[in-house]
Amino acid sequence: MIRVFVAILSGVALAVTLTLSAAAHTTLTSSVPADGAEVAPPEELMLEFGADVKLARVQIVPIGGKPIRLKLDRSAPASTKMVVPVGEALAPGAYVVEWRAVADDGHIMTGEFGFSVR
């Protein structure tokens, strides 16, 4: 009887751990511009995640240049989809968008994607 109880308890603990782990490690599911896209200078970026997050930082880094830190609406609620104004016209060239987001449980995620301006 005790072995059955321990086995059930272990199974429940594993299921809870996997569920929490999956929720805490959401990913960027899409972006505009898309990773690898060649576009006209964008006026805004759209980042979509697999679960609600709050953006903590977004910057555009021109290859070989200084990062351009974008202004975020700190009062915006957590969401799966975020739109961030670029704020200045980007010259032709290659760029990397670096982002940092915080999940509801406080888990911090980071990532990046690239695009080029024609």
Protein backbone atom coordinates (compact mmCIF):
# COMPACT_ATOMS: atom_id res chain seq x y z
CA MET A 1 0.00 0.00 0.00
CA ILE A 2 2.79 2.41 0.88
CA ARG A 3 4.58 1.62 -2.41
CA VAL A 4 1.41 2.43 -4.37
CA PHE A 5 1.01 5.73 -2.48
CA VAL A 6 4.66 6.68 -3.09
CA ALA A 7 4.34 5.79 -6.79
CA ILE A 8 1.18 7.92 -7.14
CA LEU A 9 2.75 10.82 -5.24
CA SER A 10 5.88 10.62 -7.41
CA GLY A 11 3.75 10.67 -10.57
CA VAL A 12 1.80 13.72 -9.37
CA ALA A 13 5.02 15.53 -8.43
CA LEU A 14 6.51 14.81 -11.85
CA ALA A 15 3.38 16.05 -13.65
CA VAL A 16 3.33 19.28 -11.62
CA THR A 17 7.03 19.86 -12.23
CA LEU A 18 6.70 19.35 -15.98
CA THR A 19 3.65 21.64 -16.15
CA LEU A 20 5.38 24.44 -14.22
CA SER A 21 8.54 24.03 -16.25
CA ALA A 22 6.66 24.28 -19.53
CA ALA A 23 4.78 27.38 -18.38
CA ALA A 24 7.95 29.09 -17.16
CA HIS A 25 9.86 28.53 -20.39
CA THR A 26 7.67 30.11 -23.01
CA THR A 27 9.24 31.07 -26.29
CA LEU A 28 8.91 33.73 -28.93
CA THR A 29 6.51 32.13 -31.42
CA SER A 30 6.59 34.84 -34.10
CA SER A 31 7.78 38.34 -34.82
CA VAL A 32 7.26 41.14 -37.32
CA PRO A 33 9.67 41.55 -38.97
CA ALA A 34 10.15 37.79 -39.08
CA ASP A 35 13.53 36.29 -38.31
CA GLY A 36 15.67 36.55 -41.46
CA ALA A 37 13.24 38.88 -43.30
CA GLU A 38 14.31 41.72 -45.59
CA VAL A 39 11.95 44.66 -45.06
CA ALA A 40 11.40 48.38 -45.51
CA PRO A 41 12.36 50.30 -42.34
CA PRO A 42 9.81 49.11 -39.75
CA GLU A 43 7.95 51.64 -37.62
CA GLU A 44 7.24 49.01 -34.97
CA LEU A 45 8.14 45.50 -33.89
CA MET A 46 5.58 42.85 -32.99
CA LEU A 47 6.64 40.01 -30.70
CA GLU A 48 4.32 37.09 -29.98
CA PHE A 49 4.98 34.58 -27.21
CA GLY A 50 3.49 31.21 -26.28
CA ALA A 51 2.25 32.54 -22.91
CA ASP A 52 1.66 35.90 -21.23
CA VAL A 53 4.85 37.86 -20.49
CA LYS A 54 5.89 41.42 -19.75
CA LEU A 55 8.73 42.85 -21.81
CA ALA A 56 11.60 44.09 -19.68
CA ARG A 57 13.89 45.22 -22.51
CA VAL A 58 13.96 45.33 -26.29
CA GLN A 59 16.81 46.74 -28.32
CA ILE A 60 17.78 46.76 -31.96
CA VAL A 61 21.48 46.29 -32.61
CA PRO A 62 22.84 47.26 -36.03
CA ILE A 63 25.61 44.89 -37.08
CA GLY A 64 28.79 46.69 -36.05
CA GLY A 65 26.87 49.57 -34.43
CA LYS A 66 25.53 50.79 -31.10
CA PRO A 67 22.32 49.29 -29.66
CA ILE A 68 19.10 51.28 -30.02
CA ARG A 69 17.08 50.73 -26.84
CA LEU A 70 13.35 50.87 -27.51
CA LYS A 71 10.85 52.52 -25.16
CA LEU A 72 8.42 50.10 -23.55
CA ASP A 73 5.00 50.81 -22.06
CA ARG A 74 5.72 49.72 -18.48
CA SER A 75 2.02 49.97 -17.57
CA ALA A 76 0.99 47.42 -20.23
CA PRO A 77 -0.36 44.18 -18.74
CA ALA A 78 1.28 40.84 -19.42
CA SER A 79 0.25 39.55 -22.82
CA THR A 80 1.18 37.04 -25.51
CA LYS A 81 1.45 39.78 -28.15
CA MET A 82 3.49 42.98 -27.76
CA VAL A 83 3.89 45.87 -30.18
CA VAL A 84 6.92 48.11 -29.64
CA PRO A 85 7.46 51.37 -31.58
CA VAL A 86 10.90 51.60 -33.20
CA GLY A 87 11.06 55.37 -32.71
CA GLU A 88 13.58 56.17 -35.43
CA ALA A 89 14.11 55.29 -39.07
CA LEU A 90 16.55 52.44 -39.58
CA ALA A 91 19.15 52.78 -42.31
CA PRO A 92 19.67 49.94 -44.81
CA GLY A 93 21.64 47.10 -43.24
CA ALA A 94 21.42 44.07 -40.95
CA TYR A 95 19.97 44.22 -37.44
CA VAL A 96 19.52 41.95 -34.45
CA VAL A 97 16.59 42.44 -32.05
CA GLU A 98 17.50 41.41 -28.51
CA TRP A 99 14.60 40.96 -26.07
CA ARG A 100 14.14 40.16 -22.42
CA ALA A 101 10.76 39.15 -20.98
CA VAL A 102 9.43 38.19 -17.56
CA ALA A 103 6.74 35.53 -17.04
CA ASP A 104 4.01 35.88 -14.41
CA ASP A 105 6.01 33.60 -12.09
CA GLY A 106 9.09 35.87 -12.36
CA HIS A 107 11.01 33.59 -14.74
CA ILE A 108 13.25 35.66 -17.06
CA MET A 109 13.60 34.70 -20.71
CA THR A 110 15.88 36.21 -23.33
CA GLY A 111 16.24 35.80 -27.04
CA GLU A 112 17.01 37.43 -30.33
CA PHE A 113 16.10 37.45 -33.99
CA GLY A 114 17.55 39.18 -37.02
CA PHE A 115 16.29 41.06 -40.05
CA SER A 116 17.65 43.41 -42.66
CA VAL A 117 16.42 46.73 -43.99
CA ARG A 118 16.57 47.29 -47.75
